[in-house]
Amino acid sequence: MSLMFTCNFCGETIASNVPYVTLNGNGHRSQDLWRTGYVGHYHADPAFGCWDRILEAVRLCDAPRLDAIPTASYQAITARRRKHRPLRPDDGAAA
């Protein structure tokens, strides 16, 4: 007998030879809003990137300060804005 897991991030079946992560929760401190048990299964292979994306979100939520969230510098934003031409009324843009 074999178990088949579906990735809770991408929705694809996790093949038997592909590494995966099972994320579990323990609800003893959440006042019955969260039950103990698994939260999801995710592809752990970096080629898929599912677990890396979930882990990144968890780390951002767990960051002690907003400074831990990576942001683009003012210079990088200015450089990107220079690459875009301004919209004109006849470009089909909504008013």
C-alpha atoms as a PDB file:
ATOM      1  CA  MET A   1       0.000   0.000   0.000  1.00  0.00           C
ATOM      2  CA  SER A   2       1.317   3.442  -0.837  1.00  0.00           C
ATOM      3  CA  LEU A   3       0.131   6.897   0.087  1.00  0.00           C
ATOM      4  CA  MET A   4      -0.243   9.612  -2.499  1.00  0.00           C
ATOM      5  CA  PHE A   5       0.076  13.210  -1.450  1.00  0.00           C
ATOM      6  CA  THR A   6      -1.016  16.286  -3.336  1.00  0.00           C
ATOM      7  CA  CYS A   7       1.038  19.433  -2.930  1.00  0.00           C
ATOM      8  CA  ASN A   8      -1.064  22.020  -1.121  1.00  0.00           C
ATOM      9  CA  PHE A   9       0.783  24.817  -2.911  1.00  0.00           C
ATOM     10  CA  CYS A  10       0.763  23.840  -6.588  1.00  0.00           C
ATOM     11  CA  GLY A  11      -1.936  21.156  -6.515  1.00  0.00           C
ATOM     12  CA  GLU A  12       0.200  18.555  -8.310  1.00  0.00           C
ATOM     13  CA  THR A  13       0.646  14.994  -7.060  1.00  0.00           C
ATOM     14  CA  ILE A  14       3.933  14.464  -5.240  1.00  0.00           C
ATOM     15  CA  ALA A  15       5.661  11.521  -6.923  1.00  0.00           C
ATOM     16  CA  SER A  16       6.980   8.712  -4.747  1.00  0.00           C
ATOM     17  CA  ASN A  17      10.600   9.521  -5.590  1.00  0.00           C
ATOM     18  CA  VAL A  18      10.294  13.288  -4.954  1.00  0.00           C
ATOM     19  CA  PRO A  19      11.178  14.706  -1.520  1.00  0.00           C
ATOM     20  CA  TYR A  20       8.352  16.456   0.305  1.00  0.00           C
ATOM     21  CA  VAL A  21       7.656  18.313   3.529  1.00  0.00           C
ATOM     22  CA  THR A  22       4.649  17.782   5.774  1.00  0.00           C
ATOM     23  CA  LEU A  23       3.798  20.932   7.726  1.00  0.00           C
ATOM     24  CA  ASN A  24       2.076  20.216  11.040  1.00  0.00           C
ATOM     25  CA  GLY A  25       0.281  22.466  13.460  1.00  0.00           C
ATOM     26  CA  ASN A  26      -0.277  22.216  17.178  1.00  0.00           C
ATOM     27  CA  GLY A  27      -3.404  24.037  18.279  1.00  0.00           C
ATOM     28  CA  HIS A  28      -3.055  23.915  22.053  1.00  0.00           C
ATOM     29  CA  ARG A  29      -2.494  27.692  22.248  1.00  0.00           C
ATOM     30  CA  SER A  30      -5.018  28.897  19.699  1.00  0.00           C
ATOM     31  CA  GLN A  31      -8.255  28.693  21.692  1.00  0.00           C
ATOM     32  CA  ASP A  32      -9.890  26.079  19.446  1.00  0.00           C
ATOM     33  CA  LEU A  33      -9.335  28.142  16.296  1.00  0.00           C
ATOM     34  CA  TRP A  34      -6.677  25.739  15.030  1.00  0.00           C
ATOM     35  CA  ARG A  35      -6.769  22.010  15.392  1.00  0.00           C
ATOM     36  CA  THR A  36      -3.713  19.854  15.870  1.00  0.00           C
ATOM     37  CA  GLY A  37      -2.754  18.018  12.705  1.00  0.00           C
ATOM     38  CA  TYR A  38      -1.145  18.461   9.352  1.00  0.00           C
ATOM     39  CA  VAL A  39      -1.443  21.770   7.533  1.00  0.00           C
ATOM     40  CA  GLY A  40      -0.206  20.548   4.184  1.00  0.00           C
ATOM     41  CA  HIS A  41       2.245  18.612   2.080  1.00  0.00           C
ATOM     42  CA  TYR A  42       4.657  20.464  -0.187  1.00  0.00           C
ATOM     43  CA  HIS A  43       7.272  19.570  -2.803  1.00  0.00           C
ATOM     44  CA  ALA A  44      10.668  19.925  -1.083  1.00  0.00           C
ATOM     45  CA  ASP A  45      12.673  19.660  -4.291  1.00  0.00           C
ATOM     46  CA  PRO A  46      14.056  23.122  -5.183  1.00  0.00           C
ATOM     47  CA  ALA A  47      13.172  22.400  -8.823  1.00  0.00           C
ATOM     48  CA  PHE A  48       9.504  22.738  -7.819  1.00  0.00           C
ATOM     49  CA  GLY A  49      10.031  25.503  -5.268  1.00  0.00           C
ATOM     50  CA  CYS A  50       6.774  24.885  -3.388  1.00  0.00           C
ATOM     51  CA  TRP A  51       8.247  24.427   0.098  1.00  0.00           C
ATOM     52  CA  ASP A  52      10.681  27.301  -0.429  1.00  0.00           C
ATOM     53  CA  ARG A  53       7.740  29.627  -1.179  1.00  0.00           C
ATOM     54  CA  ILE A  54       5.787  28.452   1.880  1.00  0.00           C
ATOM     55  CA  LEU A  55       8.865  28.746   4.094  1.00  0.00           C
ATOM     56  CA  GLU A  56       9.500  32.259   2.793  1.00  0.00           C
ATOM     57  CA  ALA A  57       5.939  33.274   3.726  1.00  0.00           C
ATOM     58  CA  VAL A  58       6.279  31.713   7.189  1.00  0.00           C
ATOM     59  CA  ARG A  59       9.539  33.554   7.781  1.00  0.00           C
ATOM     60  CA  LEU A  60       7.993  36.855   6.688  1.00  0.00           C
ATOM     61  CA  CYS A  61       5.080  36.351   9.081  1.00  0.00           C
ATOM     62  CA  ASP A  62       7.460  35.403  11.862  1.00  0.00           C
ATOM     63  CA  ALA A  63       9.815  38.354  11.288  1.00  0.00           C
ATOM     64  CA  PRO A  64      10.221  40.424  14.446  1.00  0.00           C
ATOM     65  CA  ARG A  65      10.392  43.659  12.448  1.00  0.00           C
ATOM     66  CA  LEU A  66       9.257  44.941   9.096  1.00  0.00           C
ATOM     67  CA  ASP A  67      12.903  45.615   8.241  1.00  0.00           C
ATOM     68  CA  ALA A  68      13.295  41.876   7.648  1.00  0.00           C
ATOM     69  CA  ILE A  69      11.020  42.069   4.594  1.00  0.00           C
ATOM     70  CA  PRO A  70      13.148  42.599   1.483  1.00  0.00           C
ATOM     71  CA  THR A  71      12.152  45.652  -0.548  1.00  0.00           C
ATOM     72  CA  ALA A  72      13.471  47.286  -3.680  1.00  0.00           C
ATOM     73  CA  SER A  73      15.643  50.344  -3.194  1.00  0.00           C
ATOM     74  CA  TYR A  74      14.518  53.783  -4.339  1.00  0.00           C
ATOM     75  CA  GLN A  75      17.163  53.665  -7.061  1.00  0.00           C
ATOM     76  CA  ALA A  76      15.921  50.285  -8.365  1.00  0.00           C
ATOM     77  CA  ILE A  77      12.322  51.524  -8.502  1.00  0.00           C
ATOM     78  CA  THR A  78      13.387  54.692 -10.320  1.00  0.00           C
ATOM     79  CA  ALA A  79      15.373  52.646 -12.850  1.00  0.00           C
ATOM     80  CA  ARG A  80      12.365  50.416 -13.541  1.00  0.00           C
ATOM     81  CA  ARG A  81      10.068  53.412 -13.967  1.00  0.00           C
ATOM     82  CA  ARG A  82      12.385  54.819 -16.627  1.00  0.00           C
ATOM     83  CA  LYS A  83      11.842  51.680 -18.724  1.00  0.00           C
ATOM     84  CA  HIS A  84       8.079  52.293 -18.994  1.00  0.00           C
ATOM     85  CA  ARG A  85       6.677  54.882 -21.333  1.00  0.00           C
ATOM     86  CA  PRO A  86       3.795  56.987 -19.998  1.00  0.00           C
ATOM     87  CA  LEU A  87       0.292  55.954 -21.035  1.00  0.00           C
ATOM     88  CA  ARG A  88      -1.515  58.140 -23.514  1.00  0.00           C
ATOM     89  CA  PRO A  89      -5.303  58.427 -23.783  1.00  0.00           C
ATOM     90  CA  ASP A  90      -5.267  56.694 -27.199  1.00  0.00           C
ATOM     91  CA  ASP A  91      -3.386  53.624 -25.824  1.00  0.00           C
ATOM     92  CA  GLY A  92      -6.642  51.980 -24.808  1.00  0.00           C
ATOM     93  CA  ALA A  93      -6.104  52.544 -21.114  1.00  0.00           C
ATOM     94  CA  ALA A  94      -9.226  52.815 -18.965  1.00  0.00           C
ATOM     95  CA  ALA A  95     -10.036  56.308 -17.797  1.00  0.00           C
END
